[in-house]
Amino acid sequence: MISQVYRERTATDLKNRISKVLLNGNETEIVELTIQGALVTVLTQREEEIKHIKSVQILDEQNNVITERTTDLDVSNNRTLDFRITFEVV
């Protein structure tokens, strides 16, 4: 079993490596990057001009993909979206 201390240390390393969020291949600003125990949460700014979402990627400091989600989601008029992605180190 992996100890809680090691999980938290790994979560801190992950948090420190997150450098970019790409929405449909375009960078969107990270508003908040928090850690709570072994949980790392990334929150992006609200996007107003997006009409369709195809992908969300989180990249490290060397532009390697940490995680990627693909979708086919239309965004209604007069809607803004932000993205909150939470990782749990287990």
Protein backbone atom coordinates (compact mmCIF):
# COMPACT_ATOMS: atom_id res chain seq x y z
CA MET A 1 0.00 0.00 0.00
CA ILE A 2 1.24 3.48 -0.86
CA SER A 3 1.51 5.76 2.16
CA GLN A 4 -0.48 8.98 2.44
CA VAL A 5 2.76 10.97 2.76
CA TYR A 6 4.04 9.59 -0.55
CA ARG A 7 0.68 10.23 -2.26
CA GLU A 8 0.76 13.85 -1.08
CA ARG A 9 4.36 14.26 -2.22
CA THR A 10 3.43 12.90 -5.66
CA ALA A 11 0.41 15.23 -5.82
CA THR A 12 2.71 18.18 -5.07
CA ASP A 13 5.01 17.10 -7.89
CA LEU A 14 2.04 16.86 -10.27
CA LYS A 15 0.78 20.31 -9.25
CA ASN A 16 4.22 21.81 -9.85
CA ARG A 17 4.44 20.27 -13.32
CA ILE A 18 1.07 21.49 -14.64
CA SER A 19 1.77 24.48 -16.87
CA LYS A 20 -0.97 24.76 -19.52
CA VAL A 21 -4.55 23.90 -20.29
CA LEU A 22 -5.52 23.65 -23.96
CA LEU A 23 -9.13 23.94 -25.02
CA ASN A 24 -9.61 22.77 -28.62
CA GLY A 25 -5.84 23.18 -29.03
CA ASN A 26 -5.79 26.79 -27.80
CA GLU A 27 -4.32 27.77 -24.46
CA THR A 28 -6.75 28.97 -21.82
CA GLU A 29 -5.62 30.65 -18.62
CA ILE A 30 -5.29 28.69 -15.41
CA VAL A 31 -7.10 30.71 -12.75
CA GLU A 32 -6.43 28.44 -9.82
CA LEU A 33 -4.21 25.45 -9.17
CA THR A 34 -4.73 23.97 -5.72
CA ILE A 35 -3.69 20.97 -3.73
CA GLN A 36 -5.47 19.40 -0.80
CA GLY A 37 -3.80 16.29 0.52
CA ALA A 38 -3.51 13.97 -2.49
CA LEU A 39 -6.02 15.96 -4.59
CA VAL A 40 -4.86 18.42 -7.26
CA THR A 41 -7.46 20.72 -8.82
CA VAL A 42 -7.06 22.90 -11.92
CA LEU A 43 -9.59 25.66 -12.64
CA THR A 44 -9.56 27.60 -15.92
CA GLN A 45 -10.88 31.01 -16.77
CA ARG A 46 -14.37 31.35 -18.21
CA GLU A 47 -14.47 31.15 -22.00
CA GLU A 48 -17.16 33.16 -23.78
CA GLU A 49 -16.52 32.69 -27.49
CA ILE A 50 -16.43 28.89 -27.58
CA LYS A 51 -19.34 27.34 -29.51
CA HIS A 52 -18.11 23.75 -29.66
CA ILE A 53 -15.75 21.74 -27.47
CA LYS A 54 -13.68 18.94 -28.98
CA SER A 55 -10.84 18.49 -26.51
CA VAL A 56 -9.34 19.58 -23.22
CA GLN A 57 -5.67 18.86 -22.51
CA ILE A 58 -3.45 19.53 -19.52
CA LEU A 59 0.25 19.85 -20.33
CA ASP A 60 3.39 19.77 -18.22
CA GLU A 61 6.32 22.19 -18.31
CA GLN A 62 7.79 20.35 -21.33
CA ASN A 63 4.47 20.41 -23.27
CA ASN A 64 3.89 16.69 -22.65
CA VAL A 65 0.24 15.71 -22.23
CA ILE A 66 -0.63 14.84 -18.63
CA THR A 67 -4.26 14.12 -19.46
CA GLU A 68 -6.61 14.65 -22.36
CA ARG A 69 -10.36 14.42 -22.68
CA THR A 70 -12.15 14.39 -26.02
CA THR A 71 -15.79 15.25 -26.47
CA ASP A 72 -18.31 16.50 -29.01
CA LEU A 73 -20.17 19.18 -27.07
CA ASP A 74 -22.03 22.16 -28.49
CA VAL A 75 -22.21 25.23 -26.27
CA SER A 76 -25.47 27.18 -26.17
CA ASN A 77 -25.53 30.89 -27.02
CA ASN A 78 -25.00 33.24 -24.08
CA ARG A 79 -23.17 30.53 -22.12
CA THR A 80 -19.69 30.71 -20.70
CA LEU A 81 -17.72 27.72 -19.51
CA ASP A 82 -14.88 27.15 -17.15
CA PHE A 83 -13.25 23.81 -16.54
CA ARG A 84 -12.40 22.21 -13.22
CA ILE A 85 -10.28 19.08 -13.41
CA THR A 86 -9.39 17.21 -10.23
CA PHE A 87 -6.76 14.49 -9.93
CA GLU A 88 -6.45 12.14 -6.99
CA VAL A 89 -3.15 10.41 -6.48
CA VAL A 90 -3.90 6.88 -5.32
